[in-house]
Amino acid sequence: MSEYDDRSRYRDSPAYTVPDRQGRPVSVVAVPPAPRQPEAGVHLLRDGERPDHLAARYLGDPAGFWRLAEANDAMQAEWLTERREIIVPVRRP
């Protein structure tokens, strides 16, 4: 049983253990390659707009903010708020 959502690209990634700086075992998962996402267009960011709001508007899923981050090569979705233009991927059925 996976601890990830069925829509997550991490769903089928195996976990393994590595030591942290203090030698304690930590369970990690390798980052799978980002899925290819066709672009639907570009959004011009306005003050106060958040990634989850944009994901709800364009993707129909507020939890899909990570797709916006990946489409814009942003390590964290919050980094999108520092951009003027945000690439919007195609909405999935």
C-alpha atoms as a PDB file:
ATOM      1  CA  MET A   1       0.000   0.000   0.000  1.00  0.00           C
ATOM      2  CA  SER A   2       1.387   3.374  -1.035  1.00  0.00           C
ATOM      3  CA  GLU A   3       1.405   6.338   1.303  1.00  0.00           C
ATOM      4  CA  TYR A   4       0.999   8.632  -1.713  1.00  0.00           C
ATOM      5  CA  ASP A   5      -2.148   9.789  -3.446  1.00  0.00           C
ATOM      6  CA  ASP A   6      -3.114   7.739  -6.502  1.00  0.00           C
ATOM      7  CA  ARG A   7      -2.387  10.796  -8.696  1.00  0.00           C
ATOM      8  CA  SER A   8       1.133  11.262  -7.298  1.00  0.00           C
ATOM      9  CA  ARG A   9       4.142  10.500  -9.487  1.00  0.00           C
ATOM     10  CA  TYR A  10       5.788   9.162  -6.301  1.00  0.00           C
ATOM     11  CA  ARG A  11       3.090   6.483  -5.917  1.00  0.00           C
ATOM     12  CA  ASP A  12       5.197   3.642  -7.382  1.00  0.00           C
ATOM     13  CA  SER A  13       8.614   4.848  -6.204  1.00  0.00           C
ATOM     14  CA  PRO A  14      10.308   2.475  -3.779  1.00  0.00           C
ATOM     15  CA  ALA A  15      11.533   3.851  -0.464  1.00  0.00           C
ATOM     16  CA  TYR A  16      15.023   3.171   0.852  1.00  0.00           C
ATOM     17  CA  THR A  17      16.970   4.150   3.958  1.00  0.00           C
ATOM     18  CA  VAL A  18      19.976   6.461   4.231  1.00  0.00           C
ATOM     19  CA  PRO A  19      21.739   7.891   7.287  1.00  0.00           C
ATOM     20  CA  ASP A  20      21.284  11.557   8.123  1.00  0.00           C
ATOM     21  CA  ARG A  21      24.177  13.769   9.331  1.00  0.00           C
ATOM     22  CA  GLN A  22      23.916  12.292  12.801  1.00  0.00           C
ATOM     23  CA  GLY A  23      23.837   8.725  11.540  1.00  0.00           C
ATOM     24  CA  ARG A  24      20.131   8.146  12.147  1.00  0.00           C
ATOM     25  CA  PRO A  25      18.282   6.124   9.505  1.00  0.00           C
ATOM     26  CA  VAL A  26      15.909   8.161   7.339  1.00  0.00           C
ATOM     27  CA  SER A  27      13.477   6.719   4.802  1.00  0.00           C
ATOM     28  CA  VAL A  28      13.634   8.500   1.423  1.00  0.00           C
ATOM     29  CA  VAL A  29      12.178   8.146  -2.058  1.00  0.00           C
ATOM     30  CA  ALA A  30      14.059   8.975  -5.255  1.00  0.00           C
ATOM     31  CA  VAL A  31      12.516  11.800  -7.237  1.00  0.00           C
ATOM     32  CA  PRO A  32      10.962  10.369 -10.394  1.00  0.00           C
ATOM     33  CA  PRO A  33      11.237  12.383 -13.592  1.00  0.00           C
ATOM     34  CA  ALA A  34       8.671  15.146 -13.981  1.00  0.00           C
ATOM     35  CA  PRO A  35       5.836  14.164 -16.285  1.00  0.00           C
ATOM     36  CA  ARG A  36       5.594  15.925 -19.632  1.00  0.00           C
ATOM     37  CA  GLN A  37       2.750  18.400 -19.547  1.00  0.00           C
ATOM     38  CA  PRO A  38       1.438  20.132 -22.650  1.00  0.00           C
ATOM     39  CA  GLU A  39       0.915  23.853 -22.111  1.00  0.00           C
ATOM     40  CA  ALA A  40      -2.542  25.386 -22.175  1.00  0.00           C
ATOM     41  CA  GLY A  41      -1.264  28.956 -21.954  1.00  0.00           C
ATOM     42  CA  VAL A  42       0.242  31.576 -19.677  1.00  0.00           C
ATOM     43  CA  HIS A  43      -1.330  33.306 -16.680  1.00  0.00           C
ATOM     44  CA  LEU A  44      -0.274  36.845 -15.734  1.00  0.00           C
ATOM     45  CA  LEU A  45      -0.053  36.794 -11.956  1.00  0.00           C
ATOM     46  CA  ARG A  46      -1.874  39.495  -9.995  1.00  0.00           C
ATOM     47  CA  ASP A  47      -1.345  40.478  -6.372  1.00  0.00           C
ATOM     48  CA  GLY A  48      -2.914  38.053  -3.920  1.00  0.00           C
ATOM     49  CA  GLU A  49      -3.218  35.090  -6.296  1.00  0.00           C
ATOM     50  CA  ARG A  50      -2.023  31.821  -4.804  1.00  0.00           C
ATOM     51  CA  PRO A  51      -0.911  28.605  -6.540  1.00  0.00           C
ATOM     52  CA  ASP A  52      -3.793  26.597  -5.048  1.00  0.00           C
ATOM     53  CA  HIS A  53      -6.319  29.153  -6.357  1.00  0.00           C
ATOM     54  CA  LEU A  54      -4.769  29.014  -9.834  1.00  0.00           C
ATOM     55  CA  ALA A  55      -4.757  25.214  -9.776  1.00  0.00           C
ATOM     56  CA  ALA A  56      -8.448  25.199  -8.852  1.00  0.00           C
ATOM     57  CA  ARG A  57      -9.246  27.680 -11.610  1.00  0.00           C
ATOM     58  CA  TYR A  58      -7.221  26.157 -14.448  1.00  0.00           C
ATOM     59  CA  LEU A  59      -6.823  22.502 -13.461  1.00  0.00           C
ATOM     60  CA  GLY A  60     -10.034  21.928 -11.515  1.00  0.00           C
ATOM     61  CA  ASP A  61      -8.047  20.722  -8.506  1.00  0.00           C
ATOM     62  CA  PRO A  62      -6.634  23.059  -5.815  1.00  0.00           C
ATOM     63  CA  ALA A  63      -4.301  20.248  -4.718  1.00  0.00           C
ATOM     64  CA  GLY A  64      -2.838  20.261  -8.247  1.00  0.00           C
ATOM     65  CA  PHE A  65      -0.647  23.290  -7.472  1.00  0.00           C
ATOM     66  CA  TRP A  66       2.377  20.982  -7.788  1.00  0.00           C
ATOM     67  CA  ARG A  67       1.601  20.645 -11.533  1.00  0.00           C
ATOM     68  CA  LEU A  68       1.927  24.414 -11.889  1.00  0.00           C
ATOM     69  CA  ALA A  69       5.235  24.301 -10.016  1.00  0.00           C
ATOM     70  CA  GLU A  70       6.605  21.525 -12.237  1.00  0.00           C
ATOM     71  CA  ALA A  71       5.470  23.243 -15.437  1.00  0.00           C
ATOM     72  CA  ASN A  72       7.378  26.347 -14.328  1.00  0.00           C
ATOM     73  CA  ASP A  73      10.474  24.551 -13.033  1.00  0.00           C
ATOM     74  CA  ALA A  74       9.800  25.825  -9.505  1.00  0.00           C
ATOM     75  CA  MET A  75      11.040  23.641  -6.665  1.00  0.00           C
ATOM     76  CA  GLN A  76       8.204  24.859  -4.408  1.00  0.00           C
ATOM     77  CA  ALA A  77       4.786  26.114  -5.455  1.00  0.00           C
ATOM     78  CA  GLU A  78       5.229  29.258  -3.316  1.00  0.00           C
ATOM     79  CA  TRP A  79       8.023  30.357  -5.659  1.00  0.00           C
ATOM     80  CA  LEU A  80       5.399  30.922  -8.348  1.00  0.00           C
ATOM     81  CA  THR A  81       4.212  34.030  -6.495  1.00  0.00           C
ATOM     82  CA  GLU A  82       7.539  35.680  -7.350  1.00  0.00           C
ATOM     83  CA  ARG A  83       6.894  35.398 -11.090  1.00  0.00           C
ATOM     84  CA  ARG A  84       4.885  37.600 -13.394  1.00  0.00           C
ATOM     85  CA  GLU A  85       4.034  34.906 -15.949  1.00  0.00           C
ATOM     86  CA  ILE A  86       3.052  31.368 -15.000  1.00  0.00           C
ATOM     87  CA  ILE A  87       2.860  28.583 -17.547  1.00  0.00           C
ATOM     88  CA  VAL A  88      -0.417  26.699 -17.174  1.00  0.00           C
ATOM     89  CA  PRO A  89      -0.495  23.007 -18.155  1.00  0.00           C
ATOM     90  CA  VAL A  90      -3.453  21.437 -19.933  1.00  0.00           C
ATOM     91  CA  ARG A  91      -6.283  20.400 -17.649  1.00  0.00           C
ATOM     92  CA  ARG A  92      -6.625  16.633 -17.294  1.00  0.00           C
ATOM     93  CA  PRO A  93     -10.027  14.990 -17.827  1.00  0.00           C
END
